[in-house]
Amino acid sequence: MTDQTTTDRHVAEARRAVHESLTLLPAWEADRVRSLIADLESAVESRTAVRMADAVPLPGSTGISACCGRPPCEFVGERVTRDPDKVTCTGPVAGARQDGVQQ
């Protein structure tokens, strides 16, 4: 998994490459593509803002997340945090066991 600085650098490089490529298009087409890019970036920002972050089980705990009762092995590809102020998980899904076992 990449860190935020690396990700930000990749995004900046991609944006630069796209905007440089726009100079090769006719003006009307470049304007249309810029509009599509703006719509895409807005959608990505909105999705990123609502992504859930789960609480990492703390050392000395049962190894189960305090927010939703799942073990860390279920967090593959998800955002996790140790900072309680940054946890956005809404809790266990309906019918979930607090020990993380699937029913």
N, C-alpha and C. Protein backbone atom coordinates (compact mmCIF):
# COMPACT_ATOMS: atom_id res chain seq x y z
N MET A 1 0.84 -1.17 0.00
CA MET A 1 0.00 0.00 0.00
C MET A 1 0.90 1.25 0.00
N THR A 2 0.53 2.24 -0.79
CA THR A 2 1.35 3.44 -0.87
C THR A 2 0.93 4.45 0.17
N ASP A 3 1.89 5.30 0.55
CA ASP A 3 1.54 6.34 1.51
C ASP A 3 0.85 7.50 0.80
N GLN A 4 0.29 8.41 1.57
CA GLN A 4 -0.49 9.51 1.01
C GLN A 4 0.35 10.42 0.14
N THR A 5 1.61 10.66 0.51
CA THR A 5 2.49 11.54 -0.28
C THR A 5 2.73 10.94 -1.66
N THR A 6 2.99 9.65 -1.72
CA THR A 6 3.21 8.99 -3.00
C THR A 6 1.95 9.04 -3.85
N THR A 7 0.81 8.80 -3.23
CA THR A 7 -0.46 8.85 -3.95
C THR A 7 -0.72 10.25 -4.49
N ASP A 8 -0.50 11.26 -3.67
CA ASP A 8 -0.69 12.64 -4.11
C ASP A 8 0.23 12.99 -5.27
N ARG A 9 1.46 12.50 -5.24
CA ARG A 9 2.40 12.76 -6.33
C ARG A 9 1.93 12.11 -7.62
N HIS A 10 1.43 10.87 -7.53
CA HIS A 10 0.92 10.18 -8.72
C HIS A 10 -0.29 10.92 -9.30
N VAL A 11 -1.17 11.39 -8.44
CA VAL A 11 -2.34 12.14 -8.91
C VAL A 11 -1.91 13.42 -9.60
N ALA A 12 -0.96 14.14 -9.01
CA ALA A 12 -0.48 15.39 -9.61
C ALA A 12 0.16 15.13 -10.98
N GLU A 13 0.93 14.06 -11.09
CA GLU A 13 1.57 13.72 -12.37
C GLU A 13 0.52 13.36 -13.42
N ALA A 14 -0.49 12.62 -13.03
CA ALA A 14 -1.56 12.25 -13.97
C ALA A 14 -2.33 13.48 -14.43
N ARG A 15 -2.65 14.36 -13.50
CA ARG A 15 -3.35 15.60 -13.87
C ARG A 15 -2.53 16.42 -14.86
N ARG A 16 -1.22 16.55 -14.58
CA ARG A 16 -0.36 17.32 -15.46
C ARG A 16 -0.33 16.71 -16.86
N ALA A 17 -0.19 15.39 -16.93
CA ALA A 17 -0.14 14.71 -18.23
C ALA A 17 -1.44 14.90 -19.00
N VAL A 18 -2.56 14.79 -18.31
CA VAL A 18 -3.86 14.97 -18.97
C VAL A 18 -3.99 16.38 -19.50
N HIS A 19 -3.67 17.37 -18.67
CA HIS A 19 -3.83 18.76 -19.09
C HIS A 19 -2.85 19.13 -20.21
N GLU A 20 -1.65 18.55 -20.21
CA GLU A 20 -0.73 18.77 -21.33
C GLU A 20 -1.29 18.17 -22.61
N SER A 21 -1.95 17.03 -22.51
CA SER A 21 -2.53 16.37 -23.68
C SER A 21 -3.70 17.17 -24.25
N LEU A 22 -4.36 17.96 -23.42
CA LEU A 22 -5.49 18.75 -23.90
C LEU A 22 -5.07 19.77 -24.95
N THR A 23 -3.81 20.17 -24.95
CA THR A 23 -3.34 21.15 -25.94
C THR A 23 -3.36 20.58 -27.35
N LEU A 24 -3.43 19.27 -27.47
CA LEU A 24 -3.45 18.61 -28.77
C LEU A 24 -4.86 18.54 -29.36
N LEU A 25 -5.87 18.85 -28.56
CA LEU A 25 -7.26 18.78 -29.02
C LEU A 25 -7.74 20.13 -29.52
N PRO A 26 -8.76 20.11 -30.40
CA PRO A 26 -9.39 21.38 -30.77
C PRO A 26 -9.98 22.02 -29.51
N ALA A 27 -10.08 23.34 -29.50
CA ALA A 27 -10.52 24.07 -28.30
C ALA A 27 -11.86 23.58 -27.77
N TRP A 28 -12.83 23.35 -28.66
CA TRP A 28 -14.16 22.92 -28.19
C TRP A 28 -14.09 21.55 -27.53
N GLU A 29 -13.27 20.65 -28.06
CA GLU A 29 -13.13 19.31 -27.49
C GLU A 29 -12.37 19.36 -26.17
N ALA A 30 -11.35 20.20 -26.10
CA ALA A 30 -10.58 20.35 -24.86
C ALA A 30 -11.47 20.88 -23.74
N ASP A 31 -12.35 21.83 -24.07
CA ASP A 31 -13.30 22.35 -23.06
C ASP A 31 -14.23 21.26 -22.56
N ARG A 32 -14.70 20.42 -23.49
CA ARG A 32 -15.60 19.33 -23.11
C ARG A 32 -14.86 18.34 -22.20
N VAL A 33 -13.63 18.01 -22.53
CA VAL A 33 -12.85 17.08 -21.71
C VAL A 33 -12.55 17.68 -20.35
N ARG A 34 -12.23 18.98 -20.29
CA ARG A 34 -12.01 19.64 -19.00
C ARG A 34 -13.25 19.54 -18.11
N SER A 35 -14.41 19.71 -18.72
CA SER A 35 -15.67 19.61 -17.98
C SER A 35 -15.87 18.19 -17.44
N LEU A 36 -15.58 17.20 -18.27
CA LEU A 36 -15.70 15.81 -17.82
C LEU A 36 -14.72 15.49 -16.70
N ILE A 37 -13.51 16.03 -16.81
CA ILE A 37 -12.50 15.82 -15.76
C ILE A 37 -12.97 16.45 -14.45
N ALA A 38 -13.53 17.65 -14.53
CA ALA A 38 -14.02 18.33 -13.32
C ALA A 38 -15.14 17.50 -12.67
N ASP A 39 -16.04 16.96 -13.49
CA ASP A 39 -17.12 16.11 -12.95
C ASP A 39 -16.54 14.86 -12.28
N LEU A 40 -15.56 14.26 -12.92
CA LEU A 40 -14.92 13.06 -12.38
C LEU A 40 -14.23 13.37 -11.05
N GLU A 41 -13.48 14.46 -11.01
CA GLU A 41 -12.78 14.81 -9.77
C GLU A 41 -13.76 15.10 -8.64
N SER A 42 -14.88 15.74 -8.94
CA SER A 42 -15.90 16.00 -7.92
C SER A 42 -16.46 14.69 -7.38
N ALA A 43 -16.73 13.76 -8.28
CA ALA A 43 -17.27 12.46 -7.86
C ALA A 43 -16.27 11.70 -7.00
N VAL A 44 -15.00 11.74 -7.37
CA VAL A 44 -13.96 11.05 -6.60
C VAL A 44 -13.82 11.68 -5.22
N GLU A 45 -13.82 13.02 -5.16
CA GLU A 45 -13.72 13.71 -3.87
C GLU A 45 -14.90 13.35 -2.97
N SER A 46 -16.09 13.31 -3.54
CA SER A 46 -17.28 12.97 -2.75
C SER A 46 -17.17 11.55 -2.22
N ARG A 47 -16.73 10.63 -3.05
CA ARG A 47 -16.61 9.23 -2.64
C ARG A 47 -15.55 9.09 -1.55
N THR A 48 -14.45 9.78 -1.72
CA THR A 48 -13.36 9.71 -0.75
C THR A 48 -13.79 10.27 0.60
N ALA A 49 -14.59 11.32 0.58
CA ALA A 49 -15.03 11.96 1.82
C ALA A 49 -15.92 11.04 2.65
N VAL A 50 -16.66 10.13 2.00
CA VAL A 50 -17.58 9.28 2.74
C VAL A 50 -17.04 7.87 3.00
N ARG A 51 -15.80 7.60 2.57
CA ARG A 51 -15.24 6.28 2.83
C ARG A 51 -15.13 6.03 4.32
N MET A 52 -15.45 4.86 4.69
CA MET A 52 -15.45 4.49 6.10
C MET A 52 -14.04 4.13 6.57
N ALA A 53 -13.76 4.45 7.81
CA ALA A 53 -12.50 4.05 8.45
C ALA A 53 -12.84 3.24 9.69
N ASP A 54 -12.29 2.04 9.77
CA ASP A 54 -12.53 1.16 10.91
C ASP A 54 -11.45 1.37 11.98
N ALA A 55 -11.80 1.03 13.21
CA ALA A 55 -10.85 1.13 14.32
C ALA A 55 -9.97 -0.12 14.34
N VAL A 56 -8.67 0.08 14.40
CA VAL A 56 -7.74 -1.05 14.52
C VAL A 56 -7.81 -1.57 15.95
N PRO A 57 -7.89 -2.90 16.11
CA PRO A 57 -7.84 -3.43 17.48
C PRO A 57 -6.54 -3.02 18.15
N LEU A 58 -6.64 -2.53 19.35
CA LEU A 58 -5.48 -2.04 20.07
C LEU A 58 -4.73 -3.17 20.75
N PRO A 59 -3.41 -3.00 20.96
CA PRO A 59 -2.64 -4.03 21.66
C PRO A 59 -3.26 -4.31 23.03
N GLY A 60 -3.32 -5.57 23.37
CA GLY A 60 -3.90 -5.97 24.65
C GLY A 60 -5.40 -6.20 24.57
N SER A 61 -6.01 -5.91 23.42
CA SER A 61 -7.45 -6.15 23.27
C SER A 61 -7.67 -7.57 22.79
N THR A 62 -8.90 -7.91 22.52
CA THR A 62 -9.24 -9.26 22.06
C THR A 62 -8.85 -9.49 20.62
N GLY A 63 -8.39 -8.45 19.91
CA GLY A 63 -8.04 -8.60 18.51
C GLY A 63 -9.21 -8.34 17.59
N ILE A 64 -10.30 -7.86 18.16
CA ILE A 64 -11.51 -7.57 17.39
C ILE A 64 -11.71 -6.05 17.40
N SER A 65 -12.08 -5.49 16.26
CA SER A 65 -12.30 -4.06 16.17
C SER A 65 -13.43 -3.63 17.08
N ALA A 66 -13.21 -2.54 17.82
CA ALA A 66 -14.23 -2.04 18.75
C ALA A 66 -15.42 -1.42 18.02
N CYS A 67 -15.24 -0.99 16.77
CA CYS A 67 -16.33 -0.30 16.08
C CYS A 67 -17.35 -1.27 15.47
N CYS A 68 -16.88 -2.35 14.87
CA CYS A 68 -17.83 -3.23 14.17
C CYS A 68 -17.67 -4.70 14.53
N GLY A 69 -16.75 -5.00 15.43
CA GLY A 69 -16.60 -6.37 15.89
C GLY A 69 -15.99 -7.31 14.88
N ARG A 70 -15.18 -6.80 13.96
CA ARG A 70 -14.54 -7.65 12.96
C ARG A 70 -13.06 -7.80 13.26
N PRO A 71 -12.45 -8.93 12.88
CA PRO A 71 -11.01 -9.10 13.06
C PRO A 71 -10.26 -8.36 11.95
N PRO A 72 -8.99 -7.99 12.19
CA PRO A 72 -8.21 -7.25 11.20
C PRO A 72 -8.10 -7.92 9.83
N CYS A 73 -8.16 -9.24 9.79
CA CYS A 73 -8.03 -9.93 8.49
C CYS A 73 -9.18 -9.58 7.54
N GLU A 74 -10.27 -9.05 8.05
CA GLU A 74 -11.39 -8.65 7.20
C GLU A 74 -11.26 -7.23 6.67
N PHE A 75 -10.23 -6.51 7.08
CA PHE A 75 -10.06 -5.11 6.67
C PHE A 75 -9.22 -4.95 5.41
N VAL A 76 -8.93 -6.01 4.69
CA VAL A 76 -8.09 -5.93 3.49
C VAL A 76 -8.70 -4.93 2.50
N GLY A 77 -7.92 -3.94 2.13
CA GLY A 77 -8.38 -2.94 1.18
C GLY A 77 -9.22 -1.84 1.78
N GLU A 78 -9.41 -1.85 3.09
CA GLU A 78 -10.22 -0.83 3.76
C GLU A 78 -9.32 0.13 4.52
N ARG A 79 -9.85 1.29 4.83
CA ARG A 79 -9.13 2.26 5.65
C ARG A 79 -9.27 1.89 7.11
N VAL A 80 -8.17 1.96 7.85
CA VAL A 80 -8.19 1.69 9.28
C VAL A 80 -7.43 2.80 9.99
N THR A 81 -7.75 3.00 11.26
CA THR A 81 -7.07 4.03 12.04
C THR A 81 -7.00 3.63 13.51
N ARG A 82 -5.99 4.15 14.19
CA ARG A 82 -5.88 3.96 15.64
C ARG A 82 -6.46 5.17 16.37
N ASP A 83 -6.69 6.26 15.65
CA ASP A 83 -7.20 7.50 16.23
C ASP A 83 -8.73 7.41 16.36
N PRO A 84 -9.27 7.35 17.58
CA PRO A 84 -10.72 7.22 17.76
C PRO A 84 -11.52 8.36 17.12
N ASP A 85 -10.91 9.54 16.99
CA ASP A 85 -11.61 10.67 16.39
C ASP A 85 -11.78 10.52 14.88
N LYS A 86 -11.00 9.63 14.27
CA LYS A 86 -11.06 9.44 12.82
C LYS A 86 -11.86 8.21 12.40
N VAL A 87 -12.36 7.45 13.36
CA VAL A 87 -13.17 6.26 13.06
C VAL A 87 -14.54 6.72 12.56
N THR A 88 -14.90 6.26 11.36
CA THR A 88 -16.21 6.62 10.80
C THR A 88 -17.10 5.40 10.61
N CYS A 89 -16.64 4.25 11.02
CA CYS A 89 -17.44 3.02 10.93
C CYS A 89 -18.70 3.22 11.78
N THR A 90 -19.81 2.79 11.25
CA THR A 90 -21.09 2.98 11.94
C THR A 90 -21.45 1.82 12.86
N GLY A 91 -20.58 0.84 12.96
CA GLY A 91 -20.85 -0.26 13.87
C GLY A 91 -21.13 -1.55 13.13
N PRO A 92 -21.50 -2.59 13.87
CA PRO A 92 -21.71 -3.90 13.25
C PRO A 92 -22.90 -3.89 12.30
N VAL A 93 -22.76 -4.66 11.24
CA VAL A 93 -23.88 -4.82 10.31
C VAL A 93 -24.94 -5.68 10.98
N ALA A 94 -26.15 -5.59 10.52
CA ALA A 94 -27.25 -6.35 11.12
C ALA A 94 -26.91 -7.84 11.15
N GLY A 95 -27.03 -8.43 12.29
CA GLY A 95 -26.79 -9.86 12.43
C GLY A 95 -25.34 -10.25 12.65
N ALA A 96 -24.42 -9.28 12.67
CA ALA A 96 -23.01 -9.59 12.84
C ALA A 96 -22.75 -9.96 14.30
N ARG A 97 -21.91 -10.94 14.50
CA ARG A 97 -21.51 -11.30 15.85
C ARG A 97 -20.37 -10.41 16.29
N GLN A 98 -20.30 -10.09 17.56
CA GLN A 98 -19.24 -9.22 18.06
C GLN A 98 -17.87 -9.88 18.05
N ASP A 99 -17.81 -11.20 17.90
CA ASP A 99 -16.51 -11.87 17.82
C ASP A 99 -16.00 -11.94 16.39
N GLY A 100 -16.76 -11.36 15.44
CA GLY A 100 -16.33 -11.29 14.05
C GLY A 100 -16.66 -12.51 13.23
N VAL A 101 -17.23 -13.54 13.82
CA VAL A 101 -17.56 -14.76 13.08
C VAL A 101 -18.79 -14.51 12.21
N GLN A 102 -18.72 -14.91 10.95
CA GLN A 102 -19.85 -14.73 10.02
C GLN A 102 -20.94 -15.75 10.36
N GLN A 103 -22.17 -15.30 10.27
CA GLN A 103 -23.29 -16.21 10.55
C GLN A 103 -23.82 -16.79 9.27
